[in-house]
Amino acid sequence: MEINVVQKVLKVNDELAQQVRERLRAAGVVAVNLISAPGSGKTTLLESVIPLLRDDLRLGVIEGDPETTRDAERIARHGVPVTQINTAGGCHLEANLVLQALDRFDLKALDVLAIENVGNMVCPVGFDLGETKRVAVVSTPEGHDKPAKYPKLFRQTDLVVLNKIDLLPHMDFDEAVFDRDLKELNPDVQLLRVSCRTGEGLDGWADWFRRLSEAGEAAEASA
């Protein structure tokens, strides 16, 4: 019975995720689902890339958190449309919440929608949100063993961002082990090394968004 209930929940979520995907596709918007542990720097990564994309892309953000609107307030200071989803303790976003949040945006005025998921490396992985691409964020203070310990996330992601690389000299972080474990799980995944503090790697982070939007435009034109 429990298995049937879980399957039903996931089936309903997938159906709603498809509605999200269709609405975004109709509006010409690509969506990015950012997944990580708490404190990896997802919000700061978005804050850092917004100024770099301001002249190229129209960005909107959905912020997922159990409580507070603090992350949404940080994003709003940069002048981009943002909607906060509070899960009241829930450990992940689900497609129904994203579908409701879309009503808060003028989708025709966006090119990219970034969805910052609740800080968790397990629960969000099983829930499709209708995203175009999935990004796994891990920071150096968390340790080099994250791909090995959370393989499902790293198998299913399209991009891995290794954040806070400015702290590498102060951390017991083995880059060779991290790279090896990641490649074993997902041989073709792209890896970006980034420091929001020093700016290293941020141009590559911004270019990734530009290429994603261009690919979305090309797909729409050929449809």
N, C-alpha and C. Protein backbone atom coordinates (compact mmCIF):
# COMPACT_ATOMS: atom_id res chain seq x y z
N MET A 1 0.83 -1.21 0.00
CA MET A 1 0.00 0.00 0.00
C MET A 1 0.87 1.26 0.00
N GLU A 2 1.91 1.25 0.84
CA GLU A 2 2.76 2.42 0.90
C GLU A 2 3.44 2.69 -0.44
N ILE A 3 3.87 1.61 -1.12
CA ILE A 3 4.50 1.77 -2.43
C ILE A 3 3.52 2.38 -3.42
N ASN A 4 2.28 1.93 -3.39
CA ASN A 4 1.26 2.47 -4.29
C ASN A 4 1.03 3.95 -4.04
N VAL A 5 1.02 4.33 -2.77
CA VAL A 5 0.81 5.75 -2.43
C VAL A 5 1.96 6.59 -2.97
N VAL A 6 3.19 6.13 -2.77
CA VAL A 6 4.35 6.86 -3.27
C VAL A 6 4.30 6.99 -4.78
N GLN A 7 3.97 5.92 -5.46
CA GLN A 7 3.89 5.96 -6.92
C GLN A 7 2.82 6.93 -7.39
N LYS A 8 1.70 6.98 -6.67
CA LYS A 8 0.63 7.90 -7.05
C LYS A 8 1.08 9.34 -6.89
N VAL A 9 1.78 9.64 -5.78
CA VAL A 9 2.27 11.00 -5.56
C VAL A 9 3.22 11.42 -6.68
N LEU A 10 4.14 10.54 -7.02
CA LEU A 10 5.11 10.87 -8.06
C LEU A 10 4.45 11.00 -9.43
N LYS A 11 3.44 10.18 -9.69
CA LYS A 11 2.72 10.26 -10.96
C LYS A 11 2.01 11.60 -11.09
N VAL A 12 1.34 12.02 -10.02
CA VAL A 12 0.66 13.31 -10.04
C VAL A 12 1.67 14.44 -10.21
N ASN A 13 2.79 14.33 -9.50
CA ASN A 13 3.83 15.36 -9.63
C ASN A 13 4.33 15.44 -11.06
N ASP A 14 4.57 14.30 -11.70
CA ASP A 14 5.07 14.30 -13.07
C ASP A 14 4.07 14.94 -14.03
N GLU A 15 2.78 14.69 -13.80
CA GLU A 15 1.76 15.30 -14.65
C GLU A 15 1.75 16.82 -14.49
N LEU A 16 1.90 17.29 -13.26
CA LEU A 16 1.93 18.74 -13.03
C LEU A 16 3.23 19.34 -13.57
N ALA A 17 4.33 18.59 -13.46
CA ALA A 17 5.59 19.08 -14.01
C ALA A 17 5.48 19.27 -15.52
N GLN A 18 4.74 18.39 -16.18
CA GLN A 18 4.55 18.53 -17.61
C GLN A 18 3.76 19.79 -17.93
N GLN A 19 2.80 20.14 -17.08
CA GLN A 19 2.06 21.39 -17.27
C GLN A 19 2.99 22.59 -17.13
N VAL A 20 3.89 22.53 -16.12
CA VAL A 20 4.88 23.59 -15.97
C VAL A 20 5.73 23.71 -17.23
N ARG A 21 6.19 22.56 -17.71
CA ARG A 21 7.07 22.53 -18.89
C ARG A 21 6.37 23.13 -20.11
N GLU A 22 5.11 22.79 -20.27
CA GLU A 22 4.36 23.30 -21.43
C GLU A 22 4.14 24.80 -21.33
N ARG A 23 3.84 25.30 -20.14
CA ARG A 23 3.65 26.74 -19.97
C ARG A 23 4.94 27.50 -20.26
N LEU A 24 6.04 26.97 -19.76
CA LEU A 24 7.32 27.63 -19.99
C LEU A 24 7.70 27.59 -21.47
N ARG A 25 7.48 26.43 -22.09
CA ARG A 25 7.81 26.31 -23.51
C ARG A 25 6.98 27.28 -24.35
N ALA A 26 5.71 27.41 -24.02
CA ALA A 26 4.83 28.32 -24.77
C ALA A 26 5.29 29.77 -24.63
N ALA A 27 5.90 30.09 -23.49
CA ALA A 27 6.37 31.45 -23.26
C ALA A 27 7.81 31.66 -23.71
N GLY A 28 8.47 30.57 -24.16
CA GLY A 28 9.85 30.69 -24.59
C GLY A 28 10.83 30.83 -23.44
N VAL A 29 10.51 30.24 -22.30
CA VAL A 29 11.34 30.36 -21.10
C VAL A 29 12.02 29.02 -20.81
N VAL A 30 13.31 29.06 -20.50
CA VAL A 30 14.01 27.87 -20.02
C VAL A 30 14.12 27.97 -18.50
N ALA A 31 14.07 26.81 -17.84
CA ALA A 31 14.07 26.79 -16.37
C ALA A 31 15.23 25.95 -15.85
N VAL A 32 15.81 26.41 -14.76
CA VAL A 32 16.96 25.76 -14.14
C VAL A 32 16.61 25.44 -12.70
N ASN A 33 16.76 24.17 -12.31
CA ASN A 33 16.48 23.71 -10.95
C ASN A 33 17.80 23.54 -10.22
N LEU A 34 18.08 24.39 -9.22
CA LEU A 34 19.33 24.33 -8.47
C LEU A 34 19.12 23.52 -7.20
N ILE A 35 19.92 22.46 -7.04
CA ILE A 35 19.79 21.55 -5.90
C ILE A 35 21.13 21.47 -5.18
N SER A 36 21.07 21.55 -3.84
CA SER A 36 22.29 21.45 -3.05
C SER A 36 21.93 21.27 -1.59
N ALA A 37 22.94 21.07 -0.77
CA ALA A 37 22.77 21.10 0.68
C ALA A 37 22.60 22.55 1.13
N PRO A 38 22.06 22.77 2.34
CA PRO A 38 22.00 24.14 2.87
C PRO A 38 23.39 24.75 2.98
N GLY A 39 23.49 26.03 2.64
CA GLY A 39 24.74 26.74 2.82
C GLY A 39 25.77 26.58 1.73
N SER A 40 25.40 25.94 0.64
CA SER A 40 26.36 25.75 -0.45
C SER A 40 26.60 27.03 -1.24
N GLY A 41 25.66 27.98 -1.14
CA GLY A 41 25.83 29.26 -1.83
C GLY A 41 24.95 29.45 -3.05
N LYS A 42 23.82 28.75 -3.11
CA LYS A 42 22.94 28.88 -4.29
C LYS A 42 22.46 30.32 -4.48
N THR A 43 22.01 30.94 -3.40
CA THR A 43 21.49 32.31 -3.52
C THR A 43 22.60 33.26 -3.95
N THR A 44 23.77 33.11 -3.38
CA THR A 44 24.89 33.98 -3.74
C THR A 44 25.31 33.76 -5.19
N LEU A 45 25.25 32.51 -5.65
CA LEU A 45 25.55 32.24 -7.07
C LEU A 45 24.58 32.98 -7.98
N LEU A 46 23.30 33.00 -7.60
CA LEU A 46 22.32 33.74 -8.40
C LEU A 46 22.57 35.24 -8.31
N GLU A 47 22.84 35.73 -7.11
CA GLU A 47 23.13 37.16 -6.95
C GLU A 47 24.35 37.56 -7.80
N SER A 48 25.33 36.68 -7.87
CA SER A 48 26.56 37.00 -8.60
C SER A 48 26.37 37.01 -10.10
N VAL A 49 25.45 36.17 -10.60
CA VAL A 49 25.30 36.07 -12.04
C VAL A 49 24.32 37.10 -12.60
N ILE A 50 23.42 37.60 -11.78
CA ILE A 50 22.42 38.56 -12.27
C ILE A 50 23.06 39.78 -12.94
N PRO A 51 24.05 40.44 -12.32
CA PRO A 51 24.65 41.61 -13.00
C PRO A 51 25.33 41.25 -14.31
N LEU A 52 25.87 40.03 -14.41
CA LEU A 52 26.57 39.62 -15.62
C LEU A 52 25.61 39.33 -16.77
N LEU A 53 24.36 39.03 -16.45
CA LEU A 53 23.38 38.68 -17.47
C LEU A 53 22.40 39.81 -17.77
N ARG A 54 22.50 40.89 -17.03
CA ARG A 54 21.48 41.93 -17.11
C ARG A 54 21.26 42.47 -18.52
N ASP A 55 22.33 42.57 -19.29
CA ASP A 55 22.21 43.12 -20.65
C ASP A 55 21.85 42.06 -21.69
N ASP A 56 21.83 40.77 -21.28
CA ASP A 56 21.63 39.69 -22.24
C ASP A 56 20.32 38.93 -22.04
N LEU A 57 19.98 38.67 -20.79
CA LEU A 57 18.84 37.80 -20.49
C LEU A 57 17.94 38.42 -19.45
N ARG A 58 16.66 38.09 -19.57
CA ARG A 58 15.67 38.52 -18.58
C ARG A 58 15.44 37.33 -17.63
N LEU A 59 15.86 37.52 -16.41
CA LEU A 59 15.89 36.43 -15.44
C LEU A 59 14.79 36.61 -14.39
N GLY A 60 14.13 35.50 -14.06
CA GLY A 60 13.21 35.45 -12.93
C GLY A 60 13.65 34.36 -11.99
N VAL A 61 13.27 34.45 -10.72
CA VAL A 61 13.75 33.51 -9.72
C VAL A 61 12.59 33.04 -8.84
N ILE A 62 12.54 31.74 -8.60
CA ILE A 62 11.67 31.16 -7.57
C ILE A 62 12.59 30.70 -6.44
N GLU A 63 12.30 31.15 -5.22
CA GLU A 63 13.09 30.77 -4.06
C GLU A 63 12.30 29.79 -3.21
N GLY A 64 12.88 28.63 -2.94
CA GLY A 64 12.24 27.64 -2.08
C GLY A 64 12.95 27.55 -0.74
N ASP A 65 12.18 27.65 0.34
CA ASP A 65 12.73 27.56 1.69
C ASP A 65 11.65 27.06 2.63
N PRO A 66 12.03 26.38 3.72
CA PRO A 66 11.02 25.97 4.70
C PRO A 66 10.33 27.17 5.36
N GLU A 67 11.09 28.22 5.65
CA GLU A 67 10.56 29.41 6.31
C GLU A 67 11.27 30.66 5.79
N THR A 68 10.75 31.82 6.13
CA THR A 68 11.29 33.16 5.86
C THR A 68 11.29 33.52 4.37
N THR A 69 11.44 34.82 4.13
CA THR A 69 11.55 35.33 2.76
C THR A 69 12.94 35.97 2.54
N ARG A 70 13.90 35.59 3.34
CA ARG A 70 15.20 36.27 3.31
C ARG A 70 15.91 36.11 1.97
N ASP A 71 15.89 34.92 1.40
CA ASP A 71 16.57 34.73 0.11
C ASP A 71 15.88 35.52 -0.99
N ALA A 72 14.55 35.52 -0.98
CA ALA A 72 13.81 36.30 -1.99
C ALA A 72 14.11 37.79 -1.86
N GLU A 73 14.24 38.26 -0.63
CA GLU A 73 14.56 39.66 -0.41
C GLU A 73 15.94 40.00 -0.97
N ARG A 74 16.87 39.08 -0.82
CA ARG A 74 18.21 39.31 -1.38
C ARG A 74 18.17 39.41 -2.89
N ILE A 75 17.41 38.52 -3.53
CA ILE A 75 17.31 38.54 -4.99
C ILE A 75 16.59 39.79 -5.47
N ALA A 76 15.54 40.18 -4.76
CA ALA A 76 14.73 41.34 -5.17
C ALA A 76 15.56 42.62 -5.21
N ARG A 77 16.58 42.71 -4.38
CA ARG A 77 17.43 43.90 -4.37
C ARG A 77 18.15 44.11 -5.69
N HIS A 78 18.23 43.05 -6.49
CA HIS A 78 18.91 43.15 -7.78
C HIS A 78 17.95 43.51 -8.91
N GLY A 79 16.70 43.74 -8.57
CA GLY A 79 15.76 44.23 -9.56
C GLY A 79 15.20 43.19 -10.50
N VAL A 80 15.22 41.93 -10.11
CA VAL A 80 14.63 40.89 -10.94
C VAL A 80 13.37 40.36 -10.26
N PRO A 81 12.38 39.91 -11.03
CA PRO A 81 11.16 39.37 -10.42
C PRO A 81 11.45 38.08 -9.67
N VAL A 82 10.91 37.97 -8.46
CA VAL A 82 11.18 36.81 -7.63
C VAL A 82 9.93 36.45 -6.84
N THR A 83 9.72 35.16 -6.67
CA THR A 83 8.61 34.65 -5.85
C THR A 83 9.17 33.65 -4.85
N GLN A 84 8.78 33.84 -3.59
CA GLN A 84 9.20 32.93 -2.53
C GLN A 84 8.15 31.84 -2.33
N ILE A 85 8.60 30.59 -2.26
CA ILE A 85 7.73 29.48 -1.87
C ILE A 85 8.22 28.97 -0.52
N ASN A 86 7.38 29.06 0.49
CA ASN A 86 7.70 28.48 1.80
C ASN A 86 6.98 27.15 1.94
N THR A 87 7.75 26.13 2.27
CA THR A 87 7.20 24.77 2.33
C THR A 87 6.72 24.38 3.72
N ALA A 88 6.80 25.31 4.69
CA ALA A 88 6.35 25.03 6.06
C ALA A 88 7.02 23.78 6.63
N GLY A 89 8.32 23.68 6.39
CA GLY A 89 9.08 22.56 6.91
C GLY A 89 9.34 21.47 5.89
N GLY A 90 8.66 21.51 4.75
CA GLY A 90 8.88 20.51 3.72
C GLY A 90 10.30 20.57 3.18
N CYS A 91 10.84 19.41 2.80
CA CYS A 91 12.27 19.33 2.46
C CYS A 91 12.54 19.48 0.97
N HIS A 92 11.53 19.79 0.16
CA HIS A 92 11.76 19.94 -1.27
C HIS A 92 10.57 20.68 -1.89
N LEU A 93 10.80 21.22 -3.06
CA LEU A 93 9.72 21.80 -3.86
C LEU A 93 9.06 20.69 -4.68
N GLU A 94 7.79 20.90 -4.99
CA GLU A 94 7.06 19.98 -5.86
C GLU A 94 6.45 20.78 -7.00
N ALA A 95 6.07 20.08 -8.05
CA ALA A 95 5.63 20.74 -9.28
C ALA A 95 4.38 21.59 -9.06
N ASN A 96 3.48 21.15 -8.16
CA ASN A 96 2.27 21.95 -7.95
C ASN A 96 2.60 23.33 -7.39
N LEU A 97 3.63 23.41 -6.55
CA LEU A 97 4.04 24.70 -5.98
C LEU A 97 4.65 25.60 -7.06
N VAL A 98 5.44 25.01 -7.94
CA VAL A 98 6.03 25.79 -9.03
C VAL A 98 4.95 26.25 -10.00
N LEU A 99 3.99 25.37 -10.28
CA LEU A 99 2.90 25.73 -11.19
C LEU A 99 2.13 26.93 -10.65
N GLN A 100 1.85 26.95 -9.36
CA GLN A 100 1.16 28.09 -8.76
C GLN A 100 2.03 29.35 -8.81
N ALA A 101 3.34 29.18 -8.60
CA ALA A 101 4.24 30.34 -8.59
C ALA A 101 4.34 30.98 -9.97
N LEU A 102 4.14 30.21 -11.03
CA LEU A 102 4.22 30.78 -12.38
C LEU A 102 3.20 31.90 -12.58
N ASP A 103 2.09 31.83 -11.87
CA ASP A 103 1.07 32.86 -12.01
C ASP A 103 1.55 34.22 -11.50
N ARG A 104 2.63 34.21 -10.73
CA ARG A 104 3.18 35.46 -10.19
C ARG A 104 4.11 36.16 -11.16
N PHE A 105 4.41 35.52 -12.28
CA PHE A 105 5.37 36.08 -13.23
C PHE A 105 4.68 36.44 -14.54
N ASP A 106 5.20 37.45 -15.20
CA ASP A 106 4.87 37.70 -16.60
C ASP A 106 5.87 36.89 -17.42
N LEU A 107 5.50 35.67 -17.77
CA LEU A 107 6.44 34.75 -18.40
C LEU A 107 6.94 35.27 -19.74
N LYS A 108 6.13 36.04 -20.42
CA LYS A 108 6.56 36.59 -21.71
C LYS A 108 7.68 37.61 -21.54
N ALA A 109 7.87 38.09 -20.32
CA ALA A 109 8.94 39.05 -20.06
C ALA A 109 10.19 38.38 -19.51
N LEU A 110 10.26 37.04 -19.58
CA LEU A 110 11.41 36.30 -19.07
C LEU A 110 12.05 35.47 -20.17
N ASP A 111 13.35 35.24 -20.01
CA ASP A 111 14.07 34.28 -20.84
C ASP A 111 14.44 33.04 -20.04
N VAL A 112 14.80 33.25 -18.77
CA VAL A 112 15.26 32.17 -17.90
C VAL A 112 14.57 32.27 -16.55
N LEU A 113 14.12 31.13 -16.04
CA LEU A 113 13.56 31.05 -14.69
C LEU A 113 14.47 30.14 -13.87
N ALA A 114 15.09 30.70 -12.85
CA ALA A 114 15.93 29.93 -11.94
C ALA A 114 15.10 29.52 -10.73
N ILE A 115 15.12 28.23 -10.42
CA ILE A 115 14.36 27.70 -9.28
C ILE A 115 15.36 27.23 -8.24
N GLU A 116 15.47 27.96 -7.14
CA GLU A 116 16.37 27.54 -6.07
C GLU A 116 15.60 26.62 -5.13
N ASN A 117 15.92 25.35 -5.18
CA ASN A 117 15.20 24.36 -4.39
C ASN A 117 15.57 24.47 -2.92
N VAL A 118 14.79 23.81 -2.08
CA VAL A 118 15.08 23.75 -0.65
C VAL A 118 16.42 23.05 -0.45
N GLY A 119 17.21 23.53 0.50
CA GLY A 119 18.52 22.94 0.74
C GLY A 119 18.44 21.49 1.20
N ASN A 120 18.72 20.58 0.29
CA ASN A 120 18.62 19.15 0.58
C ASN A 120 19.18 18.41 -0.63
N MET A 121 20.02 17.41 -0.42
CA MET A 121 20.63 16.69 -1.54
C MET A 121 19.95 15.36 -1.83
N VAL A 122 18.83 15.08 -1.14
CA VAL A 122 18.15 13.80 -1.33
C VAL A 122 16.74 14.01 -1.87
N CYS A 123 15.86 14.60 -1.07
CA CYS A 123 14.44 14.67 -1.43
C CYS A 123 14.15 15.39 -2.75
N PRO A 124 14.79 16.52 -3.04
CA PRO A 124 14.44 17.22 -4.29
C PRO A 124 14.73 16.42 -5.55
N VAL A 125 15.64 15.45 -5.46
CA VAL A 125 16.08 14.75 -6.66
C VAL A 125 14.95 13.98 -7.31
N GLY A 126 14.01 13.46 -6.51
CA GLY A 126 12.95 12.62 -7.06
C GLY A 126 11.78 13.36 -7.63
N PHE A 127 11.79 14.70 -7.56
CA PHE A 127 10.62 15.48 -7.98
C PHE A 127 10.96 16.38 -9.16
N ASP A 128 10.43 16.02 -10.32
CA ASP A 128 10.53 16.85 -11.52
C ASP A 128 9.74 18.12 -11.29
N LEU A 129 10.34 19.26 -11.59
CA LEU A 129 9.65 20.55 -11.45
C LEU A 129 9.29 21.16 -12.79
N GLY A 130 9.54 20.41 -13.87
CA GLY A 130 9.30 20.96 -15.20
C GLY A 130 10.49 21.74 -15.71
N GLU A 131 11.65 21.55 -15.07
CA GLU A 131 12.84 22.31 -15.44
C GLU A 131 13.42 21.84 -16.77
N THR A 132 14.16 22.73 -17.41
CA THR A 132 14.89 22.41 -18.61
C THR A 132 16.20 21.71 -18.27
N LYS A 133 16.88 22.23 -17.25
CA LYS A 133 18.16 21.67 -16.81
C LYS A 133 18.19 21.64 -15.28
N ARG A 134 19.02 20.72 -14.78
CA ARG A 134 19.20 20.56 -13.34
C ARG A 134 20.66 20.84 -13.01
N VAL A 135 20.88 21.64 -11.96
CA VAL A 135 22.23 22.02 -11.54
C VAL A 135 22.45 21.55 -10.11
N ALA A 136 23.53 20.82 -9.88
CA ALA A 136 23.94 20.43 -8.53
C ALA A 136 25.03 21.38 -8.07
N VAL A 137 24.85 21.95 -6.90
CA VAL A 137 25.83 22.87 -6.33
C VAL A 137 26.43 22.22 -5.09
N VAL A 138 27.74 22.20 -5.01
CA VAL A 138 28.42 21.71 -3.82
C VAL A 138 29.56 22.66 -3.51
N SER A 139 29.79 22.94 -2.23
CA SER A 139 30.85 23.86 -1.84
C SER A 139 32.00 23.11 -1.19
N THR A 140 33.17 23.66 -1.29
CA THR A 140 34.36 22.97 -0.79
C THR A 140 34.29 22.65 0.71
N PRO A 141 33.71 23.48 1.58
CA PRO A 141 33.66 23.10 2.99
C PRO A 141 32.83 21.84 3.27
N GLU A 142 31.97 21.45 2.32
CA GLU A 142 31.15 20.25 2.52
C GLU A 142 31.94 18.96 2.36
N GLY A 143 33.10 19.02 1.72
CA GLY A 143 33.91 17.83 1.54
C GLY A 143 33.83 17.27 0.14
N HIS A 144 34.86 16.50 -0.23
CA HIS A 144 34.98 15.98 -1.59
C HIS A 144 34.17 14.71 -1.82
N ASP A 145 33.52 14.20 -0.77
CA ASP A 145 32.83 12.91 -0.89
C ASP A 145 31.36 13.02 -1.29
N LYS A 146 30.89 14.20 -1.61
CA LYS A 146 29.46 14.37 -1.89
C LYS A 146 28.96 13.56 -3.08
N PRO A 147 29.68 13.50 -4.21
CA PRO A 147 29.18 12.64 -5.30
C PRO A 147 29.03 11.19 -4.88
N ALA A 148 30.00 10.67 -4.13
CA ALA A 148 29.93 9.27 -3.70
C ALA A 148 28.79 9.04 -2.72
N LYS A 149 28.50 10.02 -1.86
CA LYS A 149 27.47 9.85 -0.83
C LYS A 149 26.07 10.14 -1.35
N TYR A 150 25.96 10.96 -2.40
CA TYR A 150 24.64 11.33 -2.94
C TYR A 150 24.63 11.08 -4.46
N PRO A 151 24.82 9.83 -4.86
CA PRO A 151 25.02 9.54 -6.29
C PRO A 151 23.82 9.86 -7.16
N LYS A 152 22.61 9.73 -6.64
CA LYS A 152 21.44 9.95 -7.48
C LYS A 152 21.39 11.38 -8.00
N LEU A 153 21.72 12.34 -7.14
CA LEU A 153 21.74 13.74 -7.57
C LEU A 153 22.76 13.94 -8.69
N PHE A 154 23.95 13.41 -8.51
CA PHE A 154 25.01 13.69 -9.47
C PHE A 154 24.86 12.90 -10.75
N ARG A 155 24.15 11.78 -10.70
CA ARG A 155 23.85 11.05 -11.94
C ARG A 155 22.86 11.81 -12.81
N GLN A 156 21.95 12.53 -12.17
CA GLN A 156 20.84 13.14 -12.90
C GLN A 156 21.05 14.61 -13.25
N THR A 157 22.16 15.18 -12.83
CA THR A 157 22.35 16.61 -13.05
C THR A 157 22.98 16.90 -14.41
N ASP A 158 22.72 18.08 -14.91
CA ASP A 158 23.28 18.51 -16.19
C ASP A 158 24.54 19.34 -16.01
N LEU A 159 24.69 19.93 -14.83
CA LEU A 159 25.85 20.78 -14.53
C LEU A 159 26.14 20.65 -13.05
N VAL A 160 27.43 20.59 -12.72
CA VAL A 160 27.86 20.64 -11.32
C VAL A 160 28.67 21.91 -11.12
N VAL A 161 28.30 22.67 -10.11
CA VAL A 161 29.06 23.86 -9.73
C VAL A 161 29.77 23.56 -8.41
N LEU A 162 31.10 23.58 -8.45
CA LEU A 162 31.90 23.47 -7.23
C LEU A 162 32.17 24.89 -6.76
N ASN A 163 31.51 25.27 -5.68
CA ASN A 163 31.52 26.65 -5.21
C ASN A 163 32.52 26.82 -4.06
N LYS A 164 32.87 28.09 -3.82
CA LYS A 164 33.77 28.48 -2.72
C LYS A 164 35.17 27.89 -2.90
N ILE A 165 35.66 27.93 -4.14
CA ILE A 165 36.99 27.37 -4.38
C ILE A 165 38.09 28.25 -3.78
N ASP A 166 37.76 29.48 -3.41
CA ASP A 166 38.75 30.31 -2.73
C ASP A 166 39.15 29.74 -1.38
N LEU A 167 38.33 28.83 -0.85
CA LEU A 167 38.62 28.22 0.45
C LEU A 167 39.45 26.94 0.33
N LEU A 168 39.75 26.50 -0.88
CA LEU A 168 40.49 25.25 -1.06
C LEU A 168 41.79 25.18 -0.25
N PRO A 169 42.57 26.27 -0.18
CA PRO A 169 43.81 26.18 0.60
C PRO A 169 43.59 25.91 2.09
N HIS A 170 42.37 26.14 2.55
CA HIS A 170 42.09 26.00 3.97
C HIS A 170 41.25 24.75 4.28
N MET A 171 40.91 23.99 3.24
CA MET A 171 40.02 22.84 3.40
C MET A 171 40.75 21.53 3.08
N ASP A 172 40.33 20.48 3.73
CA ASP A 172 40.82 19.14 3.39
C ASP A 172 39.94 18.57 2.28
N PHE A 173 40.04 19.19 1.11
CA PHE A 173 39.19 18.84 -0.03
C PHE A 173 40.08 18.29 -1.13
N ASP A 174 39.86 17.03 -1.47
CA ASP A 174 40.68 16.36 -2.49
C ASP A 174 39.99 16.50 -3.84
N GLU A 175 40.47 17.41 -4.66
CA GLU A 175 39.84 17.66 -5.96
C GLU A 175 39.92 16.44 -6.87
N ALA A 176 41.00 15.70 -6.79
CA ALA A 176 41.15 14.52 -7.66
C ALA A 176 40.10 13.47 -7.33
N VAL A 177 39.83 13.25 -6.05
CA VAL A 177 38.79 12.29 -5.64
C VAL A 177 37.42 12.78 -6.07
N PHE A 178 37.16 14.06 -5.87
CA PHE A 178 35.88 14.64 -6.26
C PHE A 178 35.66 14.45 -7.76
N ASP A 179 36.66 14.82 -8.56
CA ASP A 179 36.53 14.70 -10.02
C ASP A 179 36.35 13.25 -10.45
N ARG A 180 37.11 12.35 -9.84
CA ARG A 180 37.01 10.93 -10.20
C ARG A 180 35.63 10.38 -9.91
N ASP A 181 35.13 10.64 -8.69
CA ASP A 181 33.81 10.11 -8.31
C ASP A 181 32.71 10.70 -9.20
N LEU A 182 32.83 11.98 -9.52
CA LEU A 182 31.83 12.62 -10.36
C LEU A 182 31.82 12.01 -11.76
N LYS A 183 32.99 11.82 -12.35
CA LYS A 183 33.08 11.27 -13.71
C LYS A 183 32.60 9.83 -13.77
N GLU A 184 32.82 9.07 -12.70
CA GLU A 184 32.33 7.70 -12.67
C GLU A 184 30.81 7.65 -12.68
N LEU A 185 30.18 8.62 -12.03
CA LEU A 185 28.73 8.66 -11.96
C LEU A 185 28.10 9.28 -13.21
N ASN A 186 28.77 10.29 -13.78
CA ASN A 186 28.18 11.07 -14.86
C ASN A 186 29.31 11.54 -15.78
N PRO A 187 29.79 10.67 -16.67
CA PRO A 187 31.00 10.94 -17.45
C PRO A 187 30.94 12.22 -18.28
N ASP A 188 29.76 12.61 -18.73
CA ASP A 188 29.66 13.75 -19.64
C ASP A 188 29.24 15.04 -18.95
N VAL A 189 29.11 15.02 -17.63
CA VAL A 189 28.61 16.21 -16.95
C VAL A 189 29.65 17.33 -17.00
N GLN A 190 29.15 18.55 -17.11
CA GLN A 190 30.03 19.71 -17.09
C GLN A 190 30.28 20.14 -15.65
N LEU A 191 31.50 20.51 -15.34
CA LEU A 191 31.88 20.95 -14.00
C LEU A 191 32.45 22.35 -14.08
N LEU A 192 31.88 23.25 -13.28
CA LEU A 192 32.39 24.61 -13.16
C LEU A 192 32.94 24.82 -11.76
N ARG A 193 34.13 25.38 -11.68
CA ARG A 193 34.72 25.76 -10.40
C ARG A 193 34.54 27.26 -10.22
N VAL A 194 33.93 27.66 -9.11
CA VAL A 194 33.48 29.04 -8.96
C VAL A 194 33.82 29.56 -7.57
N SER A 195 34.15 30.84 -7.50
CA SER A 195 34.22 31.56 -6.23
C SER A 195 33.46 32.87 -6.38
N CYS A 196 32.38 33.01 -5.65
CA CYS A 196 31.63 34.26 -5.68
C CYS A 196 32.40 35.37 -4.98
N ARG A 197 33.29 35.00 -4.08
CA ARG A 197 34.07 36.00 -3.35
C ARG A 197 35.12 36.65 -4.24
N THR A 198 35.83 35.84 -5.04
CA THR A 198 36.90 36.38 -5.88
C THR A 198 36.43 36.66 -7.31
N GLY A 199 35.31 36.06 -7.70
CA GLY A 199 34.82 36.20 -9.07
C GLY A 199 35.32 35.12 -10.01
N GLU A 200 36.21 34.26 -9.55
CA GLU A 200 36.74 33.21 -10.42
C GLU A 200 35.62 32.26 -10.87
N GLY A 201 35.55 32.02 -12.17
CA GLY A 201 34.57 31.10 -12.72
C GLY A 201 33.21 31.69 -12.99
N LEU A 202 32.95 32.91 -12.56
CA LEU A 202 31.61 33.48 -12.74
C LEU A 202 31.29 33.77 -14.20
N ASP A 203 32.29 34.10 -15.01
CA ASP A 203 32.04 34.31 -16.43
C ASP A 203 31.55 33.02 -17.08
N GLY A 204 32.14 31.89 -16.68
CA GLY A 204 31.69 30.60 -17.20
C GLY A 204 30.28 30.27 -16.75
N TRP A 205 29.95 30.62 -15.52
CA TRP A 205 28.59 30.43 -14.99
C TRP A 205 27.59 31.24 -15.80
N ALA A 206 27.92 32.50 -16.10
CA ALA A 206 27.04 33.34 -16.91
C ALA A 206 26.94 32.81 -18.34
N ASP A 207 28.04 32.36 -18.91
CA ASP A 207 28.02 31.82 -20.28
C ASP A 207 27.13 30.58 -20.36
N TRP A 208 27.13 29.77 -19.30
CA TRP A 208 26.28 28.58 -19.30
C TRP A 208 24.81 28.98 -19.43
N PHE A 209 24.38 30.02 -18.73
CA PHE A 209 23.01 30.51 -18.85
C PHE A 209 22.74 31.02 -20.26
N ARG A 210 23.69 31.72 -20.83
CA ARG A 210 23.49 32.26 -22.19
C ARG A 210 23.32 31.13 -23.19
N ARG A 211 24.17 30.11 -23.09
CA ARG A 211 24.07 28.98 -24.03
C ARG A 211 22.75 28.23 -23.84
N LEU A 212 22.31 28.11 -22.62
CA LEU A 212 21.05 27.43 -22.34
C LEU A 212 19.89 28.18 -22.99
N SER A 213 19.89 29.51 -22.85
CA SER A 213 18.83 30.31 -23.45
C SER A 213 18.87 30.24 -24.97
N GLU A 214 20.08 30.28 -25.53
CA GLU A 214 20.21 30.19 -26.99
C GLU A 214 19.72 28.85 -27.50
N ALA A 215 20.01 27.78 -26.77
CA ALA A 215 19.54 26.45 -27.17
C ALA A 215 18.02 26.38 -27.11
N GLY A 216 17.45 27.02 -26.10
CA GLY A 216 15.99 27.05 -25.99
C GLY A 216 15.35 27.81 -27.13
N GLU A 217 15.97 28.91 -27.53
CA GLU A 217 15.45 29.69 -28.65
C GLU A 217 15.54 28.89 -29.95
N ALA A 218 16.64 28.17 -30.12
CA ALA A 218 16.80 27.36 -31.33
C ALA A 218 15.78 26.24 -31.39
N ALA A 219 15.52 25.63 -30.24
CA ALA A 219 14.53 24.55 -30.20
C ALA A 219 13.13 25.08 -30.50
N GLU A 220 12.84 26.26 -29.98
CA GLU A 220 11.52 26.87 -30.22
C GLU A 220 11.36 27.22 -31.71
N ALA A 221 12.43 27.71 -32.31
CA ALA A 221 12.36 28.09 -33.72
C ALA A 221 12.16 26.90 -34.64
N SER A 222 12.70 25.74 -34.25
CA SER A 222 12.58 24.55 -35.07
C SER A 222 11.31 23.76 -34.81
N ALA A 223 10.58 24.13 -33.76
CA ALA A 223 9.37 23.37 -33.39
C ALA A 223 8.25 23.64 -34.39
